[in-house]
C-alpha atoms as a PDB file:
ATOM      1  CA  MET A   1     121.659 185.945 -68.447  1.00  0.00           C
ATOM      2  CA  GLY A   2     121.921 189.517 -68.315  1.00  0.00           C
ATOM      3  CA  LYS A   3     123.164 189.307 -65.171  1.00  0.00           C
ATOM      4  CA  LYS A   4     127.290 187.950 -66.407  1.00  0.00           C
ATOM      5  CA  SER A   5     127.548 190.691 -68.711  1.00  0.00           C
ATOM      6  CA  ARG A   6     126.790 193.198 -65.711  1.00  0.00           C
ATOM      7  CA  ARG A   7     129.023 191.285 -63.579  1.00  0.00           C
ATOM      8  CA  LYS A   8     131.713 191.051 -66.598  1.00  0.00           C
ATOM      9  CA  ALA A   9     131.243 194.872 -67.066  1.00  0.00           C
ATOM     10  CA  LYS A  10     131.847 195.770 -63.439  1.00  0.00           C
ATOM     11  CA  LEU A  11     134.958 193.502 -63.084  1.00  0.00           C
ATOM     12  CA  ARG A  12     136.487 195.284 -65.600  1.00  0.00           C
ATOM     13  CA  ALA A  13     135.615 198.318 -64.488  1.00  0.00           C
ATOM     14  CA  ALA A  14     137.019 197.495 -61.087  1.00  0.00           C
ATOM     15  CA  ALA A  15     140.595 196.168 -62.686  1.00  0.00           C
ATOM     16  CA  ARG A  16     141.328 199.869 -64.715  1.00  0.00           C
ATOM     17  CA  MET A  17     140.593 201.805 -61.476  1.00  0.00           C
ATOM     18  CA  ALA A  18     143.014 199.072 -60.140  1.00  0.00           C
ATOM     19  CA  GLN A  19     145.835 200.347 -62.631  1.00  0.00           C
ATOM     20  CA  ARG A  20     144.979 204.027 -62.396  1.00  0.00           C
ATOM     21  CA  ALA A  21     147.276 206.066 -60.314  1.00  0.00           C
ATOM     22  CA  PRO A  22     146.501 206.962 -56.623  1.00  0.00           C
ATOM     23  CA  TYR A  23     144.839 209.866 -56.600  1.00  0.00           C
ATOM     24  CA  GLN A  24     146.843 212.940 -55.477  1.00  0.00           C
ATOM     25  CA  PRO A  25     145.894 216.744 -53.880  1.00  0.00           C
ATOM     26  CA  VAL A  26     145.463 219.061 -56.075  1.00  0.00           C
ATOM     27  CA  TYR A  27     146.568 221.666 -53.390  1.00  0.00           C
ATOM     28  CA  GLN A  28     150.141 221.537 -51.867  1.00  0.00           C
ATOM     29  CA  LYS A  29     151.886 222.993 -49.488  1.00  0.00           C
ATOM     30  CA  PRO A  30     154.237 225.197 -50.170  1.00  0.00           C
ATOM     31  CA  ALA A  31     157.749 224.891 -49.176  1.00  0.00           C
ATOM     32  CA  SER A  32     159.241 228.005 -47.963  1.00  0.00           C
ATOM     33  CA  VAL A  33     155.742 228.317 -44.954  1.00  0.00           C
ATOM     34  CA  ALA A  34     157.445 228.348 -41.604  1.00  0.00           C
ATOM     35  CA  ALA A  35     156.462 225.064 -39.590  1.00  0.00           C
ATOM     36  CA  PRO A  36     154.382 226.187 -36.768  1.00  0.00           C
ATOM     37  CA  PRO A  37     156.065 226.480 -32.955  1.00  0.00           C
ATOM     38  CA  ALA A  38     156.838 223.181 -31.183  1.00  0.00           C
ATOM     39  CA  ARG A  39     153.986 222.105 -28.847  1.00  0.00           C
ATOM     40  CA  PRO A  40     154.512 220.555 -25.377  1.00  0.00           C
ATOM     41  CA  ALA A  41     154.764 217.130 -25.639  1.00  0.00           C
ATOM     42  CA  VAL A  42     151.078 215.598 -24.173  1.00  0.00           C
ATOM     43  CA  GLU A  43     149.717 212.483 -23.969  1.00  0.00           C
ATOM     44  CA  PRO A  44     147.447 211.730 -27.401  1.00  0.00           C
ATOM     45  CA  ARG A  45     144.154 211.150 -27.097  1.00  0.00           C
ATOM     46  CA  THR A  46     141.523 209.172 -29.123  1.00  0.00           C
ATOM     47  CA  VAL A  47     139.214 210.451 -31.525  1.00  0.00           C
ATOM     48  CA  ALA A  48     136.593 208.819 -33.035  1.00  0.00           C
ATOM     49  CA  ALA A  49     137.612 208.209 -36.910  1.00  0.00           C
ATOM     50  CA  SER A  50     135.596 211.012 -38.544  1.00  0.00           C
ATOM     51  CA  VAL A  51     133.740 211.495 -42.055  1.00  0.00           C
ATOM     52  CA  GLN A  52     135.490 212.672 -45.248  1.00  0.00           C
ATOM     53  CA  SER A  53     133.902 215.559 -46.450  1.00  0.00           C
ATOM     54  CA  SER A  54     135.708 215.722 -49.927  1.00  0.00           C
ATOM     55  CA  ALA A  55     134.690 214.058 -52.824  1.00  0.00           C
ATOM     56  CA  SER A  56     136.099 210.688 -54.092  1.00  0.00           C
ATOM     57  CA  PRO A  57     137.637 210.644 -57.291  1.00  0.00           C
ATOM     58  CA  ILE A  58     135.165 207.963 -58.090  1.00  0.00           C
ATOM     59  CA  GLN A  59     132.448 210.482 -57.028  1.00  0.00           C
ATOM     60  CA  ALA A  60     133.646 212.906 -58.935  1.00  0.00           C
ATOM     61  CA  ASN A  61     134.226 210.937 -62.634  1.00  0.00           C
ATOM     62  CA  ARG A  62     130.552 209.976 -61.827  1.00  0.00           C
ATOM     63  CA  TYR A  63     129.036 213.450 -61.420  1.00  0.00           C
ATOM     64  CA  GLN A  64     131.634 215.325 -63.840  1.00  0.00           C
ATOM     65  CA  TYR A  65     128.633 216.565 -66.474  1.00  0.00           C
ATOM     66  CA  VAL A  66     126.554 217.954 -64.055  1.00  0.00           C
ATOM     67  CA  LEU A  67     127.419 221.130 -62.841  1.00  0.00           C
ATOM     68  CA  PRO A  68     128.111 221.915 -66.786  1.00  0.00           C
ATOM     69  CA  GLU A  69     124.599 220.880 -67.427  1.00  0.00           C
ATOM     70  CA  LEU A  70     123.386 222.848 -64.748  1.00  0.00           C
ATOM     71  CA  ARG A  71     125.000 226.161 -65.666  1.00  0.00           C
ATOM     72  CA  GLN A  72     123.306 225.258 -69.395  1.00  0.00           C
ATOM     73  CA  ILE A  73     120.051 225.089 -67.839  1.00  0.00           C
ATOM     74  CA  ALA A  74     120.398 228.262 -65.846  1.00  0.00           C
ATOM     75  CA  ILE A  75     122.067 230.226 -69.174  1.00  0.00           C
ATOM     76  CA  ILE A  76     118.331 228.835 -70.830  1.00  0.00           C
ATOM     77  CA  ALA A  77     116.287 229.660 -68.363  1.00  0.00           C
ATOM     78  CA  GLY A  78     118.072 232.933 -67.799  1.00  0.00           C
ATOM     79  CA  ALA A  79     117.431 233.763 -71.425  1.00  0.00           C
ATOM     80  CA  LEU A  80     113.543 232.217 -71.581  1.00  0.00           C
ATOM     81  CA  PHE A  81     113.036 234.831 -68.504  1.00  0.00           C
ATOM     82  CA  VAL A  82     114.151 237.659 -70.485  1.00  0.00           C
ATOM     83  CA  ILE A  83     112.222 236.947 -73.726  1.00  0.00           C
ATOM     84  CA  LEU A  84     109.239 236.738 -71.044  1.00  0.00           C
ATOM     85  CA  PHE A  85     110.351 240.244 -69.641  1.00  0.00           C
ATOM     86  CA  ILE A  86     110.383 241.756 -73.003  1.00  0.00           C
ATOM     87  CA  LEU A  87     107.100 240.058 -74.665  1.00  0.00           C
ATOM     88  CA  ALA A  88     105.248 241.644 -71.645  1.00  0.00           C
ATOM     89  CA  LEU A  89     107.424 244.868 -72.235  1.00  0.00           C
ATOM     90  CA  VAL A  90     105.754 244.941 -75.496  1.00  0.00           C
ATOM     91  CA  LEU A  91     102.259 243.496 -75.593  1.00  0.00           C
ATOM     92  CA  HIS A  92     101.176 245.613 -72.233  1.00  0.00           C
END
């Protein structure tokens, strides 16, 4: 019976994502930048579809706490190394 509740939660999450505003890129070109010079017309080539390297909004939402947690772990580890170094100097 647990599958039904998971299925309902998944449907509710999909509905929430559908209601959100579409993803807008953060960086936009300034309007004052001049357009590049026109190139001569050439026949278009067929190019294979490339894989996007940027993270989707869903992935960014899923991993939003990773960087702050890694920063906190690094601060704690650095503090422990400083304490060990001071103890080594004092006890030696």
